[in-house]
Amino acid sequence: MSELSTALHDLAGADPGAADELLALMHRVHLNRGGVLFTQGDPGASMYVVASGSLKVTRSASRDRPTMLAVLGPGDVLGEMSLLDATDRDATVTAVAPTVLLELSRARFDEELGRRPDLVRALLGHLARRLRTSNDTVSDLVFSDVPARVARMVLRLGERFGVPNADGAVVVEHQLTQSELAQLVGSARETVNKALARFASEGLIDVQQRVITIRDQERLRAFAS
């Protein structure tokens, strides 16, 4: 099952028929690299599922530079809170590669509530899983050292965007700057670069501009644990 199919089944409560019905309610949105899906402060009126490509989620406080919170790829869901309330977007979402999304408007979702209340239960279950993931991220920032967080970040990017090559390594074209990688880890750019250089010197990874090649996943997982 593809990541997109998995996401739709997850939202539909693992009912294949409901997943097909949900897909029929959605329409495609295309973004070029650098295209903005929505901006922090915009009214929230739709949920999206990433069909292909990748996006970055950034947020800024007053007078502060934007901070990157996450990188999203195929199968990821975003903006789902807008189906439950009418609050404004709390982050900006920008494509870092050509991206296709499926959009479900709040108006269409509301039309289905009377006929398919199970969609609401499935959405609430999805939100609960998102909350647990957020709790794990906070714990990671509090209790893990920077090398461990960098190792986890590289492994997560590999799972989301990695492509095996002929040598058995995993090539990750993440398309992120060094500063954005540091923001994902929650540390200074210099500290994150030092950890990446350490992993490279030990043969775990190769680092190029906006590309990381994972050479030894098992040893990298040992750093991440």
N, C-alpha and C. Protein backbone atom coordinates (compact mmCIF):
# COMPACT_ATOMS: atom_id res chain seq x y z
N MET A 1 0.84 -1.19 0.00
CA MET A 1 0.00 0.00 0.00
C MET A 1 0.89 1.25 0.00
N SER A 2 0.59 2.23 -0.85
CA SER A 2 1.38 3.46 -0.91
C SER A 2 1.16 4.29 0.33
N GLU A 3 2.09 5.27 0.55
CA GLU A 3 1.95 6.15 1.70
C GLU A 3 0.66 6.95 1.62
N LEU A 4 0.29 7.37 0.40
CA LEU A 4 -0.95 8.12 0.22
C LEU A 4 -2.15 7.26 0.57
N SER A 5 -2.17 6.02 0.09
CA SER A 5 -3.28 5.12 0.42
C SER A 5 -3.35 4.86 1.91
N THR A 6 -2.19 4.68 2.53
CA THR A 6 -2.16 4.45 3.98
C THR A 6 -2.75 5.64 4.72
N ALA A 7 -2.38 6.85 4.31
CA ALA A 7 -2.90 8.05 4.97
C ALA A 7 -4.41 8.16 4.82
N LEU A 8 -4.92 7.89 3.62
CA LEU A 8 -6.36 7.97 3.40
C LEU A 8 -7.11 6.91 4.19
N HIS A 9 -6.56 5.69 4.26
CA HIS A 9 -7.19 4.64 5.06
C HIS A 9 -7.16 4.99 6.54
N ASP A 10 -6.07 5.63 6.97
CA ASP A 10 -5.95 6.06 8.35
C ASP A 10 -7.04 7.06 8.68
N LEU A 11 -7.23 8.04 7.82
CA LEU A 11 -8.25 9.06 8.06
C LEU A 11 -9.66 8.50 7.95
N ALA A 12 -9.82 7.49 7.12
CA ALA A 12 -11.16 6.93 6.90
C ALA A 12 -11.48 5.79 7.86
N GLY A 13 -10.60 5.53 8.82
CA GLY A 13 -10.86 4.47 9.78
C GLY A 13 -10.59 3.10 9.23
N ALA A 14 -9.61 2.98 8.33
CA ALA A 14 -9.19 1.70 7.76
C ALA A 14 -10.28 1.01 6.97
N ASP A 15 -11.27 1.75 6.49
CA ASP A 15 -12.36 1.22 5.67
C ASP A 15 -12.04 1.54 4.21
N PRO A 16 -11.74 0.51 3.38
CA PRO A 16 -11.38 0.79 1.98
C PRO A 16 -12.45 1.59 1.25
N GLY A 17 -13.71 1.27 1.49
CA GLY A 17 -14.78 2.01 0.82
C GLY A 17 -14.81 3.45 1.25
N ALA A 18 -14.60 3.70 2.55
CA ALA A 18 -14.59 5.07 3.06
C ALA A 18 -13.40 5.84 2.51
N ALA A 19 -12.27 5.14 2.36
CA ALA A 19 -11.08 5.80 1.81
C ALA A 19 -11.35 6.24 0.38
N ASP A 20 -12.01 5.39 -0.41
CA ASP A 20 -12.35 5.77 -1.79
C ASP A 20 -13.31 6.95 -1.81
N GLU A 21 -14.27 6.95 -0.87
CA GLU A 21 -15.22 8.06 -0.81
C GLU A 21 -14.50 9.35 -0.42
N LEU A 22 -13.56 9.23 0.51
CA LEU A 22 -12.81 10.40 0.93
C LEU A 22 -11.99 10.95 -0.23
N LEU A 23 -11.37 10.07 -1.00
CA LEU A 23 -10.60 10.50 -2.16
C LEU A 23 -11.47 11.24 -3.16
N ALA A 24 -12.71 10.79 -3.33
CA ALA A 24 -13.62 11.42 -4.28
C ALA A 24 -14.00 12.83 -3.85
N LEU A 25 -13.88 13.14 -2.56
CA LEU A 25 -14.22 14.46 -2.06
C LEU A 25 -13.07 15.46 -2.21
N MET A 26 -11.89 14.97 -2.57
CA MET A 26 -10.71 15.82 -2.57
C MET A 26 -10.33 16.22 -4.00
N HIS A 27 -9.61 17.32 -4.12
CA HIS A 27 -9.10 17.71 -5.43
C HIS A 27 -7.62 18.01 -5.32
N ARG A 28 -6.94 17.95 -6.45
CA ARG A 28 -5.48 18.07 -6.48
C ARG A 28 -5.04 19.53 -6.47
N VAL A 29 -3.95 19.76 -5.75
CA VAL A 29 -3.29 21.06 -5.72
C VAL A 29 -1.84 20.85 -6.11
N HIS A 30 -1.34 21.64 -7.06
CA HIS A 30 0.03 21.52 -7.54
C HIS A 30 0.84 22.73 -7.10
N LEU A 31 2.03 22.48 -6.58
CA LEU A 31 2.94 23.55 -6.18
C LEU A 31 4.29 23.34 -6.82
N ASN A 32 4.86 24.40 -7.37
CA ASN A 32 6.25 24.36 -7.80
C ASN A 32 7.16 24.56 -6.58
N ARG A 33 8.43 24.26 -6.74
CA ARG A 33 9.38 24.51 -5.66
C ARG A 33 9.33 25.99 -5.26
N GLY A 34 9.22 26.25 -3.97
CA GLY A 34 9.10 27.60 -3.47
C GLY A 34 7.68 28.11 -3.38
N GLY A 35 6.72 27.34 -3.91
CA GLY A 35 5.32 27.74 -3.82
C GLY A 35 4.81 27.63 -2.40
N VAL A 36 3.98 28.57 -1.99
CA VAL A 36 3.44 28.61 -0.63
C VAL A 36 2.03 28.05 -0.63
N LEU A 37 1.80 27.02 0.18
CA LEU A 37 0.47 26.43 0.29
C LEU A 37 -0.44 27.33 1.11
N PHE A 38 0.02 27.74 2.27
CA PHE A 38 -0.66 28.76 3.07
C PHE A 38 0.35 29.41 4.00
N THR A 39 -0.02 30.59 4.50
CA THR A 39 0.86 31.40 5.31
C THR A 39 0.32 31.50 6.73
N GLN A 40 1.22 31.56 7.69
CA GLN A 40 0.82 31.76 9.08
C GLN A 40 -0.11 32.96 9.19
N GLY A 41 -1.26 32.74 9.84
CA GLY A 41 -2.25 33.80 9.97
C GLY A 41 -3.37 33.73 8.96
N ASP A 42 -3.20 32.93 7.89
CA ASP A 42 -4.28 32.76 6.92
C ASP A 42 -5.46 32.03 7.56
N PRO A 43 -6.69 32.29 7.10
CA PRO A 43 -7.83 31.50 7.59
C PRO A 43 -7.64 30.03 7.22
N GLY A 44 -8.00 29.15 8.14
CA GLY A 44 -7.89 27.71 7.88
C GLY A 44 -9.20 27.15 7.40
N ALA A 45 -9.23 26.60 6.20
CA ALA A 45 -10.49 26.10 5.65
C ALA A 45 -10.34 24.76 4.95
N SER A 46 -9.14 24.15 4.98
CA SER A 46 -8.93 22.90 4.26
C SER A 46 -7.89 22.05 4.97
N MET A 47 -8.00 20.74 4.73
CA MET A 47 -6.99 19.77 5.13
C MET A 47 -6.32 19.25 3.87
N TYR A 48 -5.05 18.83 3.99
CA TYR A 48 -4.32 18.35 2.82
C TYR A 48 -3.62 17.03 3.14
N VAL A 49 -3.49 16.20 2.11
CA VAL A 49 -2.66 15.00 2.16
C VAL A 49 -1.62 15.12 1.05
N VAL A 50 -0.36 14.90 1.40
CA VAL A 50 0.72 15.03 0.42
C VAL A 50 0.73 13.79 -0.47
N ALA A 51 0.56 13.98 -1.77
CA ALA A 51 0.60 12.87 -2.72
C ALA A 51 2.02 12.61 -3.20
N SER A 52 2.77 13.67 -3.47
CA SER A 52 4.16 13.54 -3.90
C SER A 52 4.88 14.85 -3.60
N GLY A 53 6.22 14.77 -3.54
CA GLY A 53 7.01 15.96 -3.27
C GLY A 53 7.31 16.12 -1.80
N SER A 54 7.70 17.33 -1.40
CA SER A 54 8.00 17.61 0.00
C SER A 54 7.77 19.09 0.29
N LEU A 55 7.48 19.37 1.57
CA LEU A 55 7.19 20.72 2.01
C LEU A 55 7.85 20.96 3.36
N LYS A 56 8.13 22.22 3.66
CA LYS A 56 8.65 22.58 4.98
C LYS A 56 7.59 23.41 5.70
N VAL A 57 7.53 23.20 7.02
CA VAL A 57 6.60 23.92 7.87
C VAL A 57 7.41 24.88 8.73
N THR A 58 7.13 26.18 8.62
CA THR A 58 7.87 27.18 9.38
C THR A 58 6.91 28.05 10.18
N ARG A 59 7.44 28.58 11.28
CA ARG A 59 6.63 29.45 12.14
C ARG A 59 7.51 30.56 12.66
N SER A 60 6.94 31.76 12.80
CA SER A 60 7.72 32.88 13.31
C SER A 60 6.93 33.60 14.39
N ALA A 61 7.66 34.04 15.44
CA ALA A 61 7.08 34.91 16.45
C ALA A 61 7.36 36.35 16.02
N SER A 62 6.80 37.29 16.72
CA SER A 62 7.00 38.69 16.35
C SER A 62 8.47 39.05 16.38
N ARG A 63 8.93 39.67 15.30
CA ARG A 63 10.30 40.18 15.14
C ARG A 63 11.34 39.06 15.07
N ASP A 64 10.94 37.81 15.08
CA ASP A 64 11.89 36.71 14.98
C ASP A 64 11.91 36.16 13.56
N ARG A 65 13.06 35.60 13.19
CA ARG A 65 13.14 34.92 11.91
C ARG A 65 12.35 33.62 11.98
N PRO A 66 11.76 33.18 10.86
CA PRO A 66 11.00 31.93 10.87
C PRO A 66 11.87 30.75 11.30
N THR A 67 11.26 29.84 12.03
CA THR A 67 11.92 28.61 12.46
C THR A 67 11.22 27.42 11.81
N MET A 68 11.97 26.48 11.27
CA MET A 68 11.38 25.32 10.62
C MET A 68 11.00 24.29 11.66
N LEU A 69 9.78 23.82 11.58
CA LEU A 69 9.26 22.87 12.54
C LEU A 69 9.28 21.43 12.03
N ALA A 70 9.10 21.25 10.73
CA ALA A 70 8.98 19.90 10.20
C ALA A 70 9.18 19.90 8.69
N VAL A 71 9.47 18.71 8.16
CA VAL A 71 9.49 18.47 6.72
C VAL A 71 8.47 17.38 6.44
N LEU A 72 7.61 17.62 5.48
CA LEU A 72 6.53 16.69 5.17
C LEU A 72 6.75 16.06 3.80
N GLY A 73 6.34 14.79 3.67
CA GLY A 73 6.47 14.08 2.42
C GLY A 73 5.23 13.27 2.10
N PRO A 74 5.29 12.40 1.08
CA PRO A 74 4.12 11.64 0.65
C PRO A 74 3.45 10.89 1.80
N GLY A 75 2.13 11.03 1.88
CA GLY A 75 1.35 10.36 2.91
C GLY A 75 1.12 11.20 4.14
N ASP A 76 1.87 12.30 4.30
CA ASP A 76 1.67 13.15 5.47
C ASP A 76 0.40 13.98 5.33
N VAL A 77 -0.21 14.28 6.47
CA VAL A 77 -1.45 15.05 6.53
C VAL A 77 -1.14 16.37 7.22
N LEU A 78 -1.71 17.46 6.71
CA LEU A 78 -1.51 18.76 7.34
C LEU A 78 -2.78 19.59 7.25
N GLY A 79 -2.92 20.51 8.19
CA GLY A 79 -4.08 21.40 8.20
C GLY A 79 -5.35 20.75 8.69
N GLU A 80 -5.24 19.57 9.32
CA GLU A 80 -6.46 18.85 9.70
C GLU A 80 -7.25 19.54 10.80
N MET A 81 -6.58 20.37 11.63
CA MET A 81 -7.31 21.06 12.68
C MET A 81 -8.36 22.01 12.11
N SER A 82 -8.15 22.47 10.88
CA SER A 82 -9.11 23.40 10.28
C SER A 82 -10.45 22.73 10.02
N LEU A 83 -10.50 21.39 10.00
CA LEU A 83 -11.78 20.71 9.84
C LEU A 83 -12.61 20.74 11.12
N LEU A 84 -11.96 21.02 12.25
CA LEU A 84 -12.64 20.99 13.54
C LEU A 84 -12.90 22.38 14.11
N ASP A 85 -12.11 23.37 13.69
CA ASP A 85 -12.34 24.73 14.18
C ASP A 85 -12.07 25.72 13.05
N ALA A 86 -12.28 26.99 13.34
CA ALA A 86 -12.13 28.01 12.31
C ALA A 86 -10.96 28.95 12.62
N THR A 87 -9.98 28.47 13.36
CA THR A 87 -8.86 29.32 13.72
C THR A 87 -7.91 29.49 12.53
N ASP A 88 -7.07 30.52 12.63
CA ASP A 88 -6.12 30.81 11.56
C ASP A 88 -4.97 29.80 11.56
N ARG A 89 -4.28 29.71 10.44
CA ARG A 89 -3.12 28.82 10.32
C ARG A 89 -2.04 29.28 11.30
N ASP A 90 -1.41 28.33 11.97
CA ASP A 90 -0.38 28.68 12.95
C ASP A 90 1.02 28.50 12.40
N ALA A 91 1.15 28.22 11.10
CA ALA A 91 2.46 28.07 10.47
C ALA A 91 2.34 28.33 8.98
N THR A 92 3.49 28.50 8.34
CA THR A 92 3.56 28.66 6.89
C THR A 92 4.09 27.37 6.28
N VAL A 93 3.50 26.92 5.19
CA VAL A 93 3.90 25.68 4.53
C VAL A 93 4.34 26.01 3.11
N THR A 94 5.59 25.62 2.79
CA THR A 94 6.21 25.96 1.51
C THR A 94 6.78 24.71 0.86
N ALA A 95 6.60 24.55 -0.44
CA ALA A 95 7.15 23.40 -1.16
C ALA A 95 8.66 23.55 -1.31
N VAL A 96 9.41 22.51 -0.98
CA VAL A 96 10.85 22.51 -1.21
C VAL A 96 11.20 21.68 -2.44
N ALA A 97 10.19 21.09 -3.07
CA ALA A 97 10.32 20.37 -4.33
C ALA A 97 8.95 20.43 -5.01
N PRO A 98 8.86 20.20 -6.31
CA PRO A 98 7.53 20.14 -6.94
C PRO A 98 6.64 19.16 -6.18
N THR A 99 5.44 19.61 -5.82
CA THR A 99 4.60 18.87 -4.89
C THR A 99 3.16 18.81 -5.38
N VAL A 100 2.53 17.65 -5.16
CA VAL A 100 1.10 17.48 -5.44
C VAL A 100 0.42 17.09 -4.13
N LEU A 101 -0.68 17.79 -3.81
CA LEU A 101 -1.45 17.49 -2.61
C LEU A 101 -2.91 17.22 -2.97
N LEU A 102 -3.59 16.54 -2.07
CA LEU A 102 -5.04 16.36 -2.18
C LEU A 102 -5.68 17.22 -1.10
N GLU A 103 -6.64 18.06 -1.49
CA GLU A 103 -7.26 19.00 -0.57
C GLU A 103 -8.69 18.59 -0.25
N LEU A 104 -9.04 18.62 1.03
CA LEU A 104 -10.42 18.40 1.48
C LEU A 104 -10.85 19.66 2.21
N SER A 105 -11.86 20.36 1.68
CA SER A 105 -12.32 21.59 2.30
C SER A 105 -13.19 21.29 3.51
N ARG A 106 -13.22 22.23 4.42
CA ARG A 106 -14.07 22.07 5.60
C ARG A 106 -15.54 21.99 5.20
N ALA A 107 -15.93 22.74 4.17
CA ALA A 107 -17.32 22.71 3.72
C ALA A 107 -17.71 21.31 3.25
N ARG A 108 -16.84 20.66 2.46
CA ARG A 108 -17.14 19.30 2.00
C ARG A 108 -17.15 18.33 3.17
N PHE A 109 -16.22 18.50 4.11
CA PHE A 109 -16.17 17.63 5.28
C PHE A 109 -17.46 17.76 6.10
N ASP A 110 -17.92 18.99 6.30
CA ASP A 110 -19.15 19.21 7.06
C ASP A 110 -20.34 18.54 6.40
N GLU A 111 -20.38 18.53 5.07
CA GLU A 111 -21.47 17.89 4.35
C GLU A 111 -21.54 16.40 4.64
N GLU A 112 -20.37 15.80 4.93
CA GLU A 112 -20.32 14.35 5.13
C GLU A 112 -20.59 13.93 6.57
N LEU A 113 -20.62 14.89 7.51
CA LEU A 113 -20.71 14.52 8.92
C LEU A 113 -21.98 13.73 9.24
N GLY A 114 -23.11 14.19 8.71
CA GLY A 114 -24.35 13.49 9.00
C GLY A 114 -24.37 12.08 8.42
N ARG A 115 -23.75 11.92 7.26
CA ARG A 115 -23.77 10.62 6.59
C ARG A 115 -22.65 9.71 7.08
N ARG A 116 -21.50 10.26 7.45
CA ARG A 116 -20.35 9.46 7.83
C ARG A 116 -19.71 9.99 9.13
N PRO A 117 -20.38 9.82 10.28
CA PRO A 117 -19.79 10.26 11.54
C PRO A 117 -18.50 9.53 11.89
N ASP A 118 -18.26 8.36 11.26
CA ASP A 118 -17.02 7.63 11.52
C ASP A 118 -15.80 8.40 11.04
N LEU A 119 -16.00 9.30 10.06
CA LEU A 119 -14.87 10.11 9.61
C LEU A 119 -14.37 11.03 10.72
N VAL A 120 -15.29 11.51 11.54
CA VAL A 120 -14.89 12.36 12.67
C VAL A 120 -14.10 11.54 13.68
N ARG A 121 -14.57 10.34 13.98
CA ARG A 121 -13.84 9.48 14.93
C ARG A 121 -12.45 9.16 14.40
N ALA A 122 -12.36 8.88 13.10
CA ALA A 122 -11.06 8.57 12.52
C ALA A 122 -10.13 9.79 12.58
N LEU A 123 -10.68 10.98 12.31
CA LEU A 123 -9.88 12.20 12.37
C LEU A 123 -9.39 12.46 13.79
N LEU A 124 -10.25 12.25 14.78
CA LEU A 124 -9.83 12.44 16.16
C LEU A 124 -8.73 11.45 16.54
N GLY A 125 -8.84 10.22 16.05
CA GLY A 125 -7.78 9.23 16.30
C GLY A 125 -6.47 9.67 15.68
N HIS A 126 -6.55 10.23 14.47
CA HIS A 126 -5.35 10.73 13.81
C HIS A 126 -4.73 11.86 14.61
N LEU A 127 -5.56 12.78 15.11
CA LEU A 127 -5.04 13.90 15.89
C LEU A 127 -4.40 13.42 17.19
N ALA A 128 -4.95 12.37 17.80
CA ALA A 128 -4.35 11.83 19.01
C ALA A 128 -2.97 11.27 18.73
N ARG A 129 -2.81 10.60 17.58
CA ARG A 129 -1.49 10.08 17.22
C ARG A 129 -0.51 11.22 16.95
N ARG A 130 -1.00 12.30 16.33
CA ARG A 130 -0.14 13.46 16.09
C ARG A 130 0.33 14.06 17.42
N LEU A 131 -0.57 14.10 18.41
CA LEU A 131 -0.21 14.65 19.71
C LEU A 131 0.86 13.81 20.37
N ARG A 132 0.75 12.49 20.27
CA ARG A 132 1.77 11.62 20.86
C ARG A 132 3.12 11.83 20.16
N THR A 133 3.09 12.01 18.86
CA THR A 133 4.33 12.28 18.13
C THR A 133 4.96 13.60 18.59
N SER A 134 4.12 14.61 18.81
CA SER A 134 4.63 15.90 19.30
C SER A 134 5.25 15.75 20.67
N ASN A 135 4.64 14.94 21.52
CA ASN A 135 5.21 14.69 22.85
C ASN A 135 6.56 14.01 22.75
N ASP A 136 6.69 13.08 21.81
CA ASP A 136 7.98 12.41 21.60
C ASP A 136 9.04 13.41 21.15
N THR A 137 8.63 14.35 20.29
CA THR A 137 9.58 15.36 19.80
C THR A 137 10.07 16.24 20.94
N VAL A 138 9.16 16.65 21.82
CA VAL A 138 9.55 17.48 22.96
C VAL A 138 10.50 16.71 23.87
N SER A 139 10.20 15.44 24.13
CA SER A 139 11.08 14.63 24.96
C SER A 139 12.46 14.49 24.33
N ASP A 140 12.48 14.35 23.01
CA ASP A 140 13.75 14.23 22.29
C ASP A 140 14.60 15.47 22.51
N LEU A 141 13.98 16.66 22.42
CA LEU A 141 14.72 17.91 22.60
C LEU A 141 15.23 18.08 24.03
N VAL A 142 14.47 17.57 24.99
CA VAL A 142 14.83 17.76 26.39
C VAL A 142 15.89 16.77 26.85
N PHE A 143 15.76 15.50 26.45
CA PHE A 143 16.56 14.45 27.05
C PHE A 143 17.71 13.92 26.18
N SER A 144 17.71 14.22 24.88
CA SER A 144 18.73 13.66 23.99
C SER A 144 19.81 14.70 23.69
N ASP A 145 21.06 14.22 23.53
CA ASP A 145 22.13 15.14 23.14
C ASP A 145 22.06 15.40 21.63
N VAL A 146 22.85 16.37 21.17
CA VAL A 146 22.75 16.79 19.77
C VAL A 146 23.11 15.67 18.79
N PRO A 147 24.22 14.90 18.99
CA PRO A 147 24.50 13.82 18.04
C PRO A 147 23.35 12.83 17.90
N ALA A 148 22.70 12.50 19.00
CA ALA A 148 21.56 11.57 18.93
C ALA A 148 20.42 12.18 18.13
N ARG A 149 20.16 13.46 18.34
CA ARG A 149 19.07 14.13 17.61
C ARG A 149 19.40 14.24 16.13
N VAL A 150 20.68 14.51 15.82
CA VAL A 150 21.08 14.58 14.41
C VAL A 150 20.93 13.22 13.74
N ALA A 151 21.33 12.15 14.44
CA ALA A 151 21.20 10.80 13.89
C ALA A 151 19.74 10.47 13.62
N ARG A 152 18.86 10.82 14.55
CA ARG A 152 17.43 10.56 14.35
C ARG A 152 16.89 11.36 13.17
N MET A 153 17.31 12.61 13.07
CA MET A 153 16.86 13.43 11.95
C MET A 153 17.26 12.82 10.61
N VAL A 154 18.53 12.39 10.50
CA VAL A 154 19.00 11.80 9.25
C VAL A 154 18.22 10.52 8.93
N LEU A 155 17.99 9.70 9.94
CA LEU A 155 17.23 8.46 9.72
C LEU A 155 15.80 8.75 9.31
N ARG A 156 15.16 9.74 9.93
CA ARG A 156 13.79 10.10 9.56
C ARG A 156 13.73 10.62 8.13
N LEU A 157 14.70 11.47 7.75
CA LEU A 157 14.73 11.95 6.37
C LEU A 157 14.95 10.80 5.40
N GLY A 158 15.77 9.83 5.81
CA GLY A 158 15.99 8.67 4.96
C GLY A 158 14.74 7.84 4.77
N GLU A 159 13.95 7.69 5.85
CA GLU A 159 12.70 6.94 5.76
C GLU A 159 11.69 7.65 4.86
N ARG A 160 11.68 8.98 4.92
CA ARG A 160 10.68 9.73 4.17
C ARG A 160 11.07 9.96 2.71
N PHE A 161 12.37 10.23 2.48
CA PHE A 161 12.77 10.68 1.15
C PHE A 161 13.94 9.90 0.55
N GLY A 162 14.45 8.90 1.26
CA GLY A 162 15.61 8.18 0.78
C GLY A 162 15.33 7.24 -0.38
N VAL A 163 16.33 7.11 -1.25
CA VAL A 163 16.25 6.19 -2.39
C VAL A 163 17.51 5.32 -2.39
N PRO A 164 17.37 3.98 -2.33
CA PRO A 164 18.56 3.12 -2.34
C PRO A 164 19.32 3.24 -3.65
N ASN A 165 20.64 3.20 -3.57
CA ASN A 165 21.45 3.21 -4.79
C ASN A 165 22.04 1.84 -5.04
N ALA A 166 22.85 1.71 -6.06
CA ALA A 166 23.39 0.40 -6.45
C ALA A 166 24.33 -0.17 -5.40
N ASP A 167 24.90 0.67 -4.54
CA ASP A 167 25.82 0.21 -3.51
C ASP A 167 25.11 -0.22 -2.23
N GLY A 168 23.78 -0.06 -2.20
CA GLY A 168 23.04 -0.40 -1.00
C GLY A 168 22.91 0.74 -0.02
N ALA A 169 23.50 1.89 -0.35
CA ALA A 169 23.34 3.07 0.49
C ALA A 169 22.00 3.74 0.18
N VAL A 170 21.60 4.67 1.05
CA VAL A 170 20.34 5.39 0.88
C VAL A 170 20.66 6.86 0.61
N VAL A 171 20.27 7.33 -0.57
CA VAL A 171 20.54 8.72 -0.97
C VAL A 171 19.32 9.57 -0.61
N VAL A 172 19.55 10.60 0.19
CA VAL A 172 18.47 11.46 0.68
C VAL A 172 18.66 12.86 0.11
N GLU A 173 17.89 13.21 -0.90
CA GLU A 173 17.92 14.56 -1.47
C GLU A 173 16.90 15.40 -0.71
N HIS A 174 17.31 15.93 0.43
CA HIS A 174 16.39 16.61 1.34
C HIS A 174 16.09 18.04 0.93
N GLN A 175 16.96 18.68 0.13
CA GLN A 175 16.74 20.03 -0.39
C GLN A 175 16.66 21.09 0.70
N LEU A 176 17.28 20.85 1.84
CA LEU A 176 17.26 21.80 2.95
C LEU A 176 18.62 22.46 3.13
N THR A 177 18.63 23.69 3.62
CA THR A 177 19.88 24.37 3.91
C THR A 177 20.44 23.85 5.23
N GLN A 178 21.70 24.19 5.51
CA GLN A 178 22.29 23.81 6.78
C GLN A 178 21.54 24.43 7.95
N SER A 179 21.10 25.66 7.79
CA SER A 179 20.34 26.32 8.86
C SER A 179 19.01 25.60 9.11
N GLU A 180 18.36 25.14 8.04
CA GLU A 180 17.08 24.44 8.20
C GLU A 180 17.27 23.09 8.87
N LEU A 181 18.35 22.39 8.54
CA LEU A 181 18.64 21.13 9.23
C LEU A 181 18.85 21.39 10.72
N ALA A 182 19.55 22.46 11.04
CA ALA A 182 19.79 22.79 12.45
C ALA A 182 18.49 23.11 13.17
N GLN A 183 17.58 23.80 12.49
CA GLN A 183 16.29 24.10 13.10
C GLN A 183 15.49 22.84 13.38
N LEU A 184 15.57 21.86 12.49
CA LEU A 184 14.87 20.60 12.73
C LEU A 184 15.40 19.91 13.98
N VAL A 185 16.70 20.03 14.22
CA VAL A 185 17.32 19.37 15.37
C VAL A 185 17.12 20.19 16.65
N GLY A 186 16.94 21.50 16.49
CA GLY A 186 16.80 22.37 17.64
C GLY A 186 18.14 22.73 18.25
N SER A 187 19.13 22.98 17.39
CA SER A 187 20.46 23.32 17.87
C SER A 187 21.11 24.30 16.91
N ALA A 188 22.32 24.77 17.28
CA ALA A 188 23.05 25.70 16.43
C ALA A 188 23.57 24.99 15.18
N ARG A 189 23.67 25.75 14.08
CA ARG A 189 24.12 25.17 12.82
C ARG A 189 25.52 24.57 12.96
N GLU A 190 26.41 25.27 13.66
CA GLU A 190 27.78 24.79 13.82
C GLU A 190 27.82 23.46 14.56
N THR A 191 26.98 23.32 15.59
CA THR A 191 26.94 22.08 16.38
C THR A 191 26.42 20.91 15.56
N VAL A 192 25.38 21.18 14.75
CA VAL A 192 24.81 20.14 13.90
C VAL A 192 25.82 19.75 12.82
N ASN A 193 26.49 20.72 12.22
CA ASN A 193 27.50 20.41 11.20
C ASN A 193 28.63 19.58 11.78
N LYS A 194 29.00 19.86 13.02
CA LYS A 194 30.06 19.08 13.68
C LYS A 194 29.63 17.63 13.84
N ALA A 195 28.37 17.40 14.22
CA ALA A 195 27.87 16.03 14.36
C ALA A 195 27.83 15.33 13.01
N LEU A 196 27.38 16.03 11.97
CA LEU A 196 27.35 15.44 10.63
C LEU A 196 28.76 15.09 10.15
N ALA A 197 29.71 16.00 10.42
CA ALA A 197 31.10 15.73 10.03
C ALA A 197 31.65 14.52 10.77
N ARG A 198 31.28 14.37 12.03
CA ARG A 198 31.73 13.21 12.80
C ARG A 198 31.20 11.92 12.18
N PHE A 199 29.91 11.91 11.85
CA PHE A 199 29.32 10.71 11.24
C PHE A 199 29.98 10.41 9.89
N ALA A 200 30.29 11.47 9.14
CA ALA A 200 30.94 11.28 7.84
C ALA A 200 32.35 10.71 8.01
N SER A 201 33.10 11.21 9.00
CA SER A 201 34.47 10.74 9.21
C SER A 201 34.51 9.28 9.65
N GLU A 202 33.42 8.82 10.27
CA GLU A 202 33.34 7.43 10.71
C GLU A 202 32.70 6.52 9.67
N GLY A 203 32.38 7.07 8.49
CA GLY A 203 31.86 6.26 7.39
C GLY A 203 30.38 5.95 7.48
N LEU A 204 29.65 6.64 8.35
CA LEU A 204 28.22 6.37 8.47
C LEU A 204 27.42 7.05 7.37
N ILE A 205 27.88 8.25 6.96
CA ILE A 205 27.16 9.02 5.96
C ILE A 205 28.16 9.74 5.06
N ASP A 206 27.67 10.21 3.92
CA ASP A 206 28.36 11.19 3.09
C ASP A 206 27.48 12.43 3.06
N VAL A 207 28.11 13.60 3.11
CA VAL A 207 27.36 14.85 3.13
C VAL A 207 27.75 15.71 1.95
N GLN A 208 26.76 16.08 1.15
CA GLN A 208 26.93 17.03 0.06
C GLN A 208 25.88 18.11 0.21
N GLN A 209 25.94 19.12 -0.64
CA GLN A 209 24.98 20.21 -0.54
C GLN A 209 23.57 19.69 -0.78
N ARG A 210 22.72 19.78 0.25
CA ARG A 210 21.31 19.38 0.21
C ARG A 210 21.11 17.90 -0.06
N VAL A 211 22.15 17.10 0.11
CA VAL A 211 22.06 15.64 -0.07
C VAL A 211 22.87 14.95 1.02
N ILE A 212 22.27 13.94 1.65
CA ILE A 212 22.97 13.08 2.60
C ILE A 212 22.83 11.65 2.12
N THR A 213 23.94 10.93 2.05
CA THR A 213 23.91 9.52 1.69
C THR A 213 24.20 8.70 2.94
N ILE A 214 23.25 7.84 3.32
CA ILE A 214 23.40 7.02 4.51
C ILE A 214 24.12 5.73 4.12
N ARG A 215 25.33 5.54 4.66
CA ARG A 215 26.15 4.37 4.35
C ARG A 215 25.96 3.23 5.33
N ASP A 216 25.70 3.53 6.59
CA ASP A 216 25.62 2.49 7.63
C ASP A 216 24.47 2.83 8.57
N GLN A 217 23.28 2.34 8.23
CA GLN A 217 22.09 2.66 9.01
C GLN A 217 22.14 2.07 10.41
N GLU A 218 22.70 0.88 10.56
CA GLU A 218 22.72 0.23 11.86
C GLU A 218 23.57 1.03 12.86
N ARG A 219 24.73 1.45 12.44
CA ARG A 219 25.57 2.24 13.34
C ARG A 219 24.96 3.61 13.62
N LEU A 220 24.29 4.16 12.62
CA LEU A 220 23.62 5.43 12.83
C LEU A 220 22.48 5.27 13.84
N ARG A 221 21.75 4.16 13.77
CA ARG A 221 20.70 3.90 14.75
C ARG A 221 21.27 3.76 16.16
N ALA A 222 22.49 3.24 16.26
CA ALA A 222 23.12 3.11 17.57
C ALA A 222 23.36 4.49 18.17
N PHE A 223 23.75 5.46 17.35
CA PHE A 223 23.90 6.82 17.84
C PHE A 223 22.55 7.42 18.22
N ALA A 224 21.49 7.04 17.51
CA ALA A 224 20.19 7.61 17.74
C ALA A 224 19.50 7.07 18.99
N SER A 225 19.93 5.92 19.47
CA SER A 225 19.26 5.29 20.60
C SER A 225 19.67 5.89 21.92
